[in-house]
Amino acid sequence: MVNRFYKTLIYNAFSGMCVLCGDASFRQIDLCRDCEADLPWLESHCARCALPLASHEKYSECGRCISKPPAFSQCLSALRYDFPVDRLIAGFKHRGKLSYGSVLAQLWLNTVGGDIDTVPDLLVPVPIHWRRRWQRGFNQATVLANHWSQALDIPVCHALTHPRATPPQQALNAAMRQKNIKQAFAFIPQSPIRGKHVAVIDDVVTTTATANTVAAILARNGARQIDIWCLARTP
């Protein structure tokens, strides 16, 4: 409570700076209102996997989810992975710009956070291999999970590990992503997910290969419901 009070005082005295245009934001987020309005918001999308859809298909399920339902119940995302969101996420992940991650995480809370039908019991960040974490200094999914955990009062549970080093998913097509991700993750025994509603945390969902793989592992180990929470969804 005290920390929040002093944070408000600081923001009121020293205006935030927009991470996109560099101007003063005059608000408690480092993003001005004009730049926020111009972001590629996720509007019409698949009700299951959040794939962007044409406006007349709003909130229906995409053909892939109808023909082959994913292992998760729903994907909650705020933005499309397009400029300048792609630049912000790249800066967050690869250049250690944690302020970018904070802005994106807060945007998610401001837009999607209020639409959560059932609050999950646990937040499970998608892990990265120890070598990649050592190179970056952090796991971006854990940073997001901690941000949302504090805001929503939901515990973080590190129920998964990434024991096998795999090439980055960004450079691979859908088939290669699926092959690459196979056996990349493992469940940590005694993780308290049995019978729980779990939200898996990741920065971007592209082909749903990672989301499906992780959700299937959690389901096999007793999770009652698995949702995916991410910053952005690719078209």
C-alpha atoms as a PDB file:
ATOM      1  CA  MET A   1       0.000   0.000   0.000  1.00  0.00           C
ATOM      2  CA  VAL A   2       2.829   2.384   0.957  1.00  0.00           C
ATOM      3  CA  ASN A   3       4.835   1.503  -2.143  1.00  0.00           C
ATOM      4  CA  ARG A   4       1.805   2.146  -4.344  1.00  0.00           C
ATOM      5  CA  PHE A   5       1.250   5.519  -2.626  1.00  0.00           C
ATOM      6  CA  TYR A   6       4.833   6.665  -3.223  1.00  0.00           C
ATOM      7  CA  LYS A   7       4.769   5.365  -6.790  1.00  0.00           C
ATOM      8  CA  THR A   8       1.696   7.516  -7.464  1.00  0.00           C
ATOM      9  CA  LEU A   9       3.403  10.545  -5.973  1.00  0.00           C
ATOM     10  CA  ILE A  10       6.487  10.005  -8.131  1.00  0.00           C
ATOM     11  CA  TYR A  11       4.427   9.668 -11.306  1.00  0.00           C
ATOM     12  CA  ASN A  12       2.447  12.787 -10.465  1.00  0.00           C
ATOM     13  CA  ALA A  13       5.627  14.767  -9.823  1.00  0.00           C
ATOM     14  CA  PHE A  14       7.696  13.350 -12.683  1.00  0.00           C
ATOM     15  CA  SER A  15       5.643  12.390 -15.709  1.00  0.00           C
ATOM     16  CA  GLY A  16       6.421   9.098 -17.405  1.00  0.00           C
ATOM     17  CA  MET A  17       8.113   9.033 -20.799  1.00  0.00           C
ATOM     18  CA  CYS A  18       6.488   7.250 -23.740  1.00  0.00           C
ATOM     19  CA  VAL A  19       8.556   4.235 -24.841  1.00  0.00           C
ATOM     20  CA  LEU A  20       7.534   4.825 -28.463  1.00  0.00           C
ATOM     21  CA  CYS A  21       7.701   8.566 -29.181  1.00  0.00           C
ATOM     22  CA  GLY A  22       9.771   9.722 -26.220  1.00  0.00           C
ATOM     23  CA  ASP A  23       7.320  12.434 -25.180  1.00  0.00           C
ATOM     24  CA  ALA A  24       5.960  12.817 -21.666  1.00  0.00           C
ATOM     25  CA  SER A  25       3.074  10.411 -21.126  1.00  0.00           C
ATOM     26  CA  PHE A  26       1.397  12.427 -18.305  1.00  0.00           C
ATOM     27  CA  ARG A  27       0.015   9.189 -16.860  1.00  0.00           C
ATOM     28  CA  GLN A  28       1.037   6.205 -14.747  1.00  0.00           C
ATOM     29  CA  ILE A  29       2.294   4.215 -17.710  1.00  0.00           C
ATOM     30  CA  ASP A  30       5.247   4.949 -20.000  1.00  0.00           C
ATOM     31  CA  LEU A  31       3.062   5.256 -23.086  1.00  0.00           C
ATOM     32  CA  CYS A  32       1.259   8.362 -24.292  1.00  0.00           C
ATOM     33  CA  ARG A  33      -2.416   8.180 -25.230  1.00  0.00           C
ATOM     34  CA  ASP A  34      -1.789   8.897 -28.921  1.00  0.00           C
ATOM     35  CA  CYS A  35       0.726   6.044 -29.283  1.00  0.00           C
ATOM     36  CA  GLU A  36      -1.557   3.718 -27.336  1.00  0.00           C
ATOM     37  CA  ALA A  37      -4.463   4.494 -29.662  1.00  0.00           C
ATOM     38  CA  ASP A  38      -2.308   3.638 -32.695  1.00  0.00           C
ATOM     39  CA  LEU A  39      -1.271   0.198 -31.430  1.00  0.00           C
ATOM     40  CA  PRO A  40      -2.388  -2.884 -33.400  1.00  0.00           C
ATOM     41  CA  TRP A  41      -5.084  -4.022 -30.995  1.00  0.00           C
ATOM     42  CA  LEU A  42      -6.431  -7.543 -31.294  1.00  0.00           C
ATOM     43  CA  GLU A  43     -10.039  -7.028 -32.311  1.00  0.00           C
ATOM     44  CA  SER A  44     -11.975  -9.803 -34.091  1.00  0.00           C
ATOM     45  CA  HIS A  45     -10.330 -13.092 -33.202  1.00  0.00           C
ATOM     46  CA  CYS A  46     -10.897 -16.796 -32.658  1.00  0.00           C
ATOM     47  CA  ALA A  47     -12.636 -17.405 -29.354  1.00  0.00           C
ATOM     48  CA  ARG A  48     -10.313 -20.348 -28.679  1.00  0.00           C
ATOM     49  CA  CYS A  49      -6.795 -19.564 -29.944  1.00  0.00           C
ATOM     50  CA  ALA A  50      -7.113 -15.750 -30.433  1.00  0.00           C
ATOM     51  CA  LEU A  51      -6.105 -15.943 -34.112  1.00  0.00           C
ATOM     52  CA  PRO A  52      -7.054 -12.608 -35.747  1.00  0.00           C
ATOM     53  CA  LEU A  53     -10.165 -12.998 -37.918  1.00  0.00           C
ATOM     54  CA  ALA A  54     -12.192 -10.897 -40.318  1.00  0.00           C
ATOM     55  CA  SER A  55     -14.571  -8.477 -38.601  1.00  0.00           C
ATOM     56  CA  HIS A  56     -17.698 -10.503 -39.487  1.00  0.00           C
ATOM     57  CA  GLU A  57     -16.223 -13.577 -37.743  1.00  0.00           C
ATOM     58  CA  LYS A  58     -15.871 -11.837 -34.404  1.00  0.00           C
ATOM     59  CA  TYR A  59     -15.475 -14.275 -31.497  1.00  0.00           C
ATOM     60  CA  SER A  60     -16.262 -17.385 -33.531  1.00  0.00           C
ATOM     61  CA  GLU A  61     -13.765 -20.242 -33.640  1.00  0.00           C
ATOM     62  CA  CYS A  62     -11.268 -20.520 -36.483  1.00  0.00           C
ATOM     63  CA  GLY A  63     -11.277 -23.540 -38.801  1.00  0.00           C
ATOM     64  CA  ARG A  64      -8.219 -25.083 -37.167  1.00  0.00           C
ATOM     65  CA  CYS A  65      -9.744 -24.984 -33.678  1.00  0.00           C
ATOM     66  CA  ILE A  66     -12.992 -26.482 -34.986  1.00  0.00           C
ATOM     67  CA  SER A  67     -11.287 -29.336 -36.831  1.00  0.00           C
ATOM     68  CA  LYS A  68      -8.592 -29.968 -34.225  1.00  0.00           C
ATOM     69  CA  PRO A  69      -9.347 -28.336 -30.861  1.00  0.00           C
ATOM     70  CA  PRO A  70      -6.205 -27.260 -28.979  1.00  0.00           C
ATOM     71  CA  ALA A  71      -5.191 -28.661 -25.606  1.00  0.00           C
ATOM     72  CA  PHE A  72      -6.008 -25.336 -23.916  1.00  0.00           C
ATOM     73  CA  SER A  73      -9.430 -23.779 -23.280  1.00  0.00           C
ATOM     74  CA  GLN A  74      -8.753 -20.245 -24.470  1.00  0.00           C
ATOM     75  CA  CYS A  75      -6.012 -17.793 -25.325  1.00  0.00           C
ATOM     76  CA  LEU A  76      -6.242 -14.265 -23.942  1.00  0.00           C
ATOM     77  CA  SER A  77      -4.224 -11.671 -25.824  1.00  0.00           C
ATOM     78  CA  ALA A  78      -4.437  -7.896 -26.111  1.00  0.00           C
ATOM     79  CA  LEU A  79      -2.479  -7.094 -29.259  1.00  0.00           C
ATOM     80  CA  ARG A  80      -1.559  -8.303 -32.726  1.00  0.00           C
ATOM     81  CA  TYR A  81       2.109  -9.046 -33.243  1.00  0.00           C
ATOM     82  CA  ASP A  82       2.709  -6.171 -35.627  1.00  0.00           C
ATOM     83  CA  PHE A  83       4.646  -2.899 -35.624  1.00  0.00           C
ATOM     84  CA  PRO A  84       5.421  -1.371 -33.140  1.00  0.00           C
ATOM     85  CA  VAL A  85       4.452  -4.174 -30.751  1.00  0.00           C
ATOM     86  CA  ASP A  86       6.974  -6.497 -32.384  1.00  0.00           C
ATOM     87  CA  ARG A  87       9.690  -3.919 -31.732  1.00  0.00           C
ATOM     88  CA  LEU A  88       8.695  -3.540 -28.087  1.00  0.00           C
ATOM     89  CA  ILE A  89       8.631  -7.298 -27.487  1.00  0.00           C
ATOM     90  CA  ALA A  90      12.003  -7.766 -29.220  1.00  0.00           C
ATOM     91  CA  GLY A  91      13.513  -5.004 -27.077  1.00  0.00           C
ATOM     92  CA  PHE A  92      12.038  -6.574 -23.953  1.00  0.00           C
ATOM     93  CA  LYS A  93      13.262 -10.098 -24.719  1.00  0.00           C
ATOM     94  CA  HIS A  94      16.574  -9.553 -26.467  1.00  0.00           C
ATOM     95  CA  ARG A  95      17.847  -6.205 -25.222  1.00  0.00           C
ATOM     96  CA  GLY A  96      16.724  -6.315 -21.612  1.00  0.00           C
ATOM     97  CA  LYS A  97      14.292  -3.396 -21.937  1.00  0.00           C
ATOM     98  CA  LEU A  98      12.198  -4.400 -18.946  1.00  0.00           C
ATOM     99  CA  SER A  99      10.293  -1.123 -19.139  1.00  0.00           C
ATOM    100  CA  TYR A 100       8.872  -2.295 -22.481  1.00  0.00           C
ATOM    101  CA  GLY A 101       7.665  -5.477 -20.825  1.00  0.00           C
ATOM    102  CA  SER A 102       6.063  -3.497 -17.997  1.00  0.00           C
ATOM    103  CA  VAL A 103       4.164  -1.296 -20.445  1.00  0.00           C
ATOM    104  CA  LEU A 104       2.900  -4.283 -22.445  1.00  0.00           C
ATOM    105  CA  ALA A 105       1.950  -6.204 -19.302  1.00  0.00           C
ATOM    106  CA  GLN A 106      -0.028  -3.217 -18.019  1.00  0.00           C
ATOM    107  CA  LEU A 107      -1.795  -2.811 -21.367  1.00  0.00           C
ATOM    108  CA  TRP A 108      -2.846  -6.461 -21.117  1.00  0.00           C
ATOM    109  CA  LEU A 109      -4.265  -5.829 -17.650  1.00  0.00           C
ATOM    110  CA  ASN A 110      -6.079  -2.685 -18.792  1.00  0.00           C
ATOM    111  CA  THR A 111      -7.745  -4.401 -21.757  1.00  0.00           C
ATOM    112  CA  VAL A 112      -7.946  -8.172 -21.278  1.00  0.00           C
ATOM    113  CA  GLY A 113      -7.564  -8.356 -17.510  1.00  0.00           C
ATOM    114  CA  GLY A 114     -11.098  -7.138 -16.911  1.00  0.00           C
ATOM    115  CA  ASP A 115     -12.606  -9.771 -19.208  1.00  0.00           C
ATOM    116  CA  ILE A 116     -11.393 -12.853 -17.341  1.00  0.00           C
ATOM    117  CA  ASP A 117     -14.433 -15.076 -16.801  1.00  0.00           C
ATOM    118  CA  THR A 118     -12.858 -17.311 -14.176  1.00  0.00           C
ATOM    119  CA  VAL A 119      -9.701 -16.283 -12.352  1.00  0.00           C
ATOM    120  CA  PRO A 120      -7.127 -19.106 -12.521  1.00  0.00           C
ATOM    121  CA  ASP A 121      -5.594 -20.668  -9.433  1.00  0.00           C
ATOM    122  CA  LEU A 122      -2.010 -20.522 -10.713  1.00  0.00           C
ATOM    123  CA  LEU A 123       0.140 -18.758 -13.294  1.00  0.00           C
ATOM    124  CA  VAL A 124       2.679 -21.018 -15.004  1.00  0.00           C
ATOM    125  CA  PRO A 125       5.352 -19.226 -17.075  1.00  0.00           C
ATOM    126  CA  VAL A 126       6.682 -21.015 -20.149  1.00  0.00           C
ATOM    127  CA  PRO A 127      10.297 -21.856 -19.265  1.00  0.00           C
ATOM    128  CA  ILE A 128      13.376 -21.257 -21.394  1.00  0.00           C
ATOM    129  CA  HIS A 129      16.571 -23.318 -21.447  1.00  0.00           C
ATOM    130  CA  TRP A 130      19.078 -22.376 -18.755  1.00  0.00           C
ATOM    131  CA  ARG A 131      21.632 -21.301 -21.355  1.00  0.00           C
ATOM    132  CA  ARG A 132      19.214 -18.840 -22.979  1.00  0.00           C
ATOM    133  CA  ARG A 133      18.199 -17.531 -19.580  1.00  0.00           C
ATOM    134  CA  TRP A 134      21.860 -17.019 -18.692  1.00  0.00           C
ATOM    135  CA  GLN A 135      22.408 -15.092 -21.933  1.00  0.00           C
ATOM    136  CA  ARG A 136      19.357 -12.845 -21.412  1.00  0.00           C
ATOM    137  CA  GLY A 137      19.570 -12.591 -17.652  1.00  0.00           C
ATOM    138  CA  PHE A 138      15.871 -13.376 -17.231  1.00  0.00           C
ATOM    139  CA  ASN A 139      12.938 -15.337 -18.621  1.00  0.00           C
ATOM    140  CA  GLN A 140      10.453 -12.930 -20.191  1.00  0.00           C
ATOM    141  CA  ALA A 141       7.496 -15.201 -19.338  1.00  0.00           C
ATOM    142  CA  THR A 142       8.490 -15.182 -15.666  1.00  0.00           C
ATOM    143  CA  VAL A 143       8.720 -11.378 -15.686  1.00  0.00           C
ATOM    144  CA  LEU A 144       5.182 -11.184 -17.098  1.00  0.00           C
ATOM    145  CA  ALA A 145       3.884 -13.811 -14.674  1.00  0.00           C
ATOM    146  CA  ASN A 146       5.302 -11.908 -11.707  1.00  0.00           C
ATOM    147  CA  HIS A 147       3.731  -8.661 -12.939  1.00  0.00           C
ATOM    148  CA  TRP A 148       0.292 -10.217 -13.348  1.00  0.00           C
ATOM    149  CA  SER A 149       0.641 -12.209 -10.134  1.00  0.00           C
ATOM    150  CA  GLN A 150       1.149  -9.041  -8.141  1.00  0.00           C
ATOM    151  CA  ALA A 151      -1.676  -7.194  -9.901  1.00  0.00           C
ATOM    152  CA  LEU A 152      -4.228 -10.023  -9.716  1.00  0.00           C
ATOM    153  CA  ASP A 153      -3.076 -11.770  -6.535  1.00  0.00           C
ATOM    154  CA  ILE A 154      -2.555 -15.127  -8.261  1.00  0.00           C
ATOM    155  CA  PRO A 155       0.422 -17.301  -7.240  1.00  0.00           C
ATOM    156  CA  VAL A 156       3.140 -18.152  -9.765  1.00  0.00           C
ATOM    157  CA  CYS A 157       3.954 -21.851 -10.078  1.00  0.00           C
ATOM    158  CA  HIS A 158       7.115 -22.965 -11.905  1.00  0.00           C
ATOM    159  CA  ALA A 159       5.684 -26.335 -12.903  1.00  0.00           C
ATOM    160  CA  LEU A 160       7.699 -26.789 -16.083  1.00  0.00           C
ATOM    161  CA  THR A 161      11.318 -26.970 -17.126  1.00  0.00           C
ATOM    162  CA  HIS A 162      13.055 -26.680 -20.507  1.00  0.00           C
ATOM    163  CA  PRO A 163      15.786 -29.333 -20.241  1.00  0.00           C
ATOM    164  CA  ARG A 164      16.672 -29.617 -23.925  1.00  0.00           C
ATOM    165  CA  ALA A 165      18.199 -26.715 -25.834  1.00  0.00           C
ATOM    166  CA  THR A 166      16.237 -25.997 -29.026  1.00  0.00           C
ATOM    167  CA  PRO A 167      16.689 -23.441 -31.820  1.00  0.00           C
ATOM    168  CA  PRO A 168      14.619 -20.233 -31.507  1.00  0.00           C
ATOM    169  CA  GLN A 169      11.068 -20.733 -32.768  1.00  0.00           C
ATOM    170  CA  GLN A 170      10.950 -17.390 -34.620  1.00  0.00           C
ATOM    171  CA  ALA A 171      12.961 -18.609 -37.608  1.00  0.00           C
ATOM    172  CA  LEU A 172      10.953 -21.819 -38.150  1.00  0.00           C
ATOM    173  CA  ASN A 173       7.768 -22.579 -40.091  1.00  0.00           C
ATOM    174  CA  ALA A 174       4.770 -24.278 -38.484  1.00  0.00           C
ATOM    175  CA  ALA A 175       5.884 -27.859 -39.187  1.00  0.00           C
ATOM    176  CA  MET A 176       9.430 -27.174 -38.024  1.00  0.00           C
ATOM    177  CA  ARG A 177       8.157 -25.437 -34.889  1.00  0.00           C
ATOM    178  CA  GLN A 178       6.115 -28.500 -33.959  1.00  0.00           C
ATOM    179  CA  LYS A 179       9.083 -30.814 -34.483  1.00  0.00           C
ATOM    180  CA  ASN A 180      11.422 -28.438 -32.661  1.00  0.00           C
ATOM    181  CA  ILE A 181       9.206 -28.170 -29.614  1.00  0.00           C
ATOM    182  CA  LYS A 182       8.593 -31.905 -29.245  1.00  0.00           C
ATOM    183  CA  GLN A 183      10.041 -33.132 -25.951  1.00  0.00           C
ATOM    184  CA  ALA A 184      11.489 -29.680 -25.243  1.00  0.00           C
ATOM    185  CA  PHE A 185       9.487 -29.283 -22.009  1.00  0.00           C
ATOM    186  CA  ALA A 186       9.104 -31.459 -18.922  1.00  0.00           C
ATOM    187  CA  PHE A 187       6.858 -31.379 -15.876  1.00  0.00           C
ATOM    188  CA  ILE A 188       8.441 -30.772 -12.483  1.00  0.00           C
ATOM    189  CA  PRO A 189       7.180 -33.542 -10.152  1.00  0.00           C
ATOM    190  CA  GLN A 190       5.136 -32.538  -7.094  1.00  0.00           C
ATOM    191  CA  SER A 191       4.104 -29.231  -8.691  1.00  0.00           C
ATOM    192  CA  PRO A 192       0.693 -28.422  -7.137  1.00  0.00           C
ATOM    193  CA  ILE A 193      -1.437 -28.222 -10.288  1.00  0.00           C
ATOM    194  CA  ARG A 194      -3.703 -31.252  -9.900  1.00  0.00           C
ATOM    195  CA  GLY A 195      -7.330 -30.167 -10.058  1.00  0.00           C
ATOM    196  CA  LYS A 196      -6.296 -26.543 -10.600  1.00  0.00           C
ATOM    197  CA  HIS A 197      -7.234 -23.958 -13.214  1.00  0.00           C
ATOM    198  CA  VAL A 198      -3.906 -22.864 -14.697  1.00  0.00           C
ATOM    199  CA  ALA A 199      -2.950 -19.919 -16.927  1.00  0.00           C
ATOM    200  CA  VAL A 200       0.186 -20.492 -18.989  1.00  0.00           C
ATOM    201  CA  ILE A 201       2.148 -17.260 -19.501  1.00  0.00           C
ATOM    202  CA  ASP A 202       4.090 -16.452 -22.679  1.00  0.00           C
ATOM    203  CA  ASP A 203       4.997 -13.312 -24.602  1.00  0.00           C
ATOM    204  CA  VAL A 204       3.767 -14.246 -28.101  1.00  0.00           C
ATOM    205  CA  VAL A 205       1.592 -17.019 -29.531  1.00  0.00           C
ATOM    206  CA  THR A 206       2.349 -17.801 -33.181  1.00  0.00           C
ATOM    207  CA  THR A 207       1.398 -21.286 -34.384  1.00  0.00           C
ATOM    208  CA  THR A 208       0.220 -22.464 -30.915  1.00  0.00           C
ATOM    209  CA  ALA A 209       2.884 -25.213 -31.050  1.00  0.00           C
ATOM    210  CA  THR A 210       4.387 -24.198 -27.690  1.00  0.00           C
ATOM    211  CA  ALA A 211       0.994 -23.470 -26.132  1.00  0.00           C
ATOM    212  CA  ASN A 212      -0.397 -26.848 -27.178  1.00  0.00           C
ATOM    213  CA  THR A 213       2.671 -28.771 -26.043  1.00  0.00           C
ATOM    214  CA  VAL A 214       2.763 -27.122 -22.633  1.00  0.00           C
ATOM    215  CA  ALA A 215      -1.009 -27.390 -22.138  1.00  0.00           C
ATOM    216  CA  ALA A 216      -0.936 -31.101 -22.984  1.00  0.00           C
ATOM    217  CA  ILE A 217       1.801 -31.709 -20.405  1.00  0.00           C
ATOM    218  CA  LEU A 218      -0.132 -29.869 -17.705  1.00  0.00           C
ATOM    219  CA  ALA A 219      -3.351 -31.712 -18.592  1.00  0.00           C
ATOM    220  CA  ARG A 220      -1.595 -35.088 -18.347  1.00  0.00           C
ATOM    221  CA  ASN A 221      -0.416 -34.123 -14.890  1.00  0.00           C
ATOM    222  CA  GLY A 222      -3.853 -33.240 -13.580  1.00  0.00           C
ATOM    223  CA  ALA A 223      -4.591 -29.605 -14.421  1.00  0.00           C
ATOM    224  CA  ARG A 224      -8.358 -29.127 -14.600  1.00  0.00           C
ATOM    225  CA  GLN A 225      -8.337 -26.224 -17.078  1.00  0.00           C
ATOM    226  CA  ILE A 226      -5.497 -24.592 -18.998  1.00  0.00           C
ATOM    227  CA  ASP A 227      -5.676 -21.102 -20.470  1.00  0.00           C
ATOM    228  CA  ILE A 228      -2.974 -19.215 -22.346  1.00  0.00           C
ATOM    229  CA  TRP A 229      -2.172 -15.607 -21.502  1.00  0.00           C
ATOM    230  CA  CYS A 230       0.099 -13.719 -23.896  1.00  0.00           C
ATOM    231  CA  LEU A 231       0.948 -10.171 -24.882  1.00  0.00           C
ATOM    232  CA  ALA A 232       0.430 -10.594 -28.624  1.00  0.00           C
ATOM    233  CA  ARG A 233      -0.959 -12.995 -31.197  1.00  0.00           C
ATOM    234  CA  THR A 234       0.440 -13.304 -34.710  1.00  0.00           C
ATOM    235  CA  PRO A 235      -1.942 -13.011 -37.685  1.00  0.00           C
END
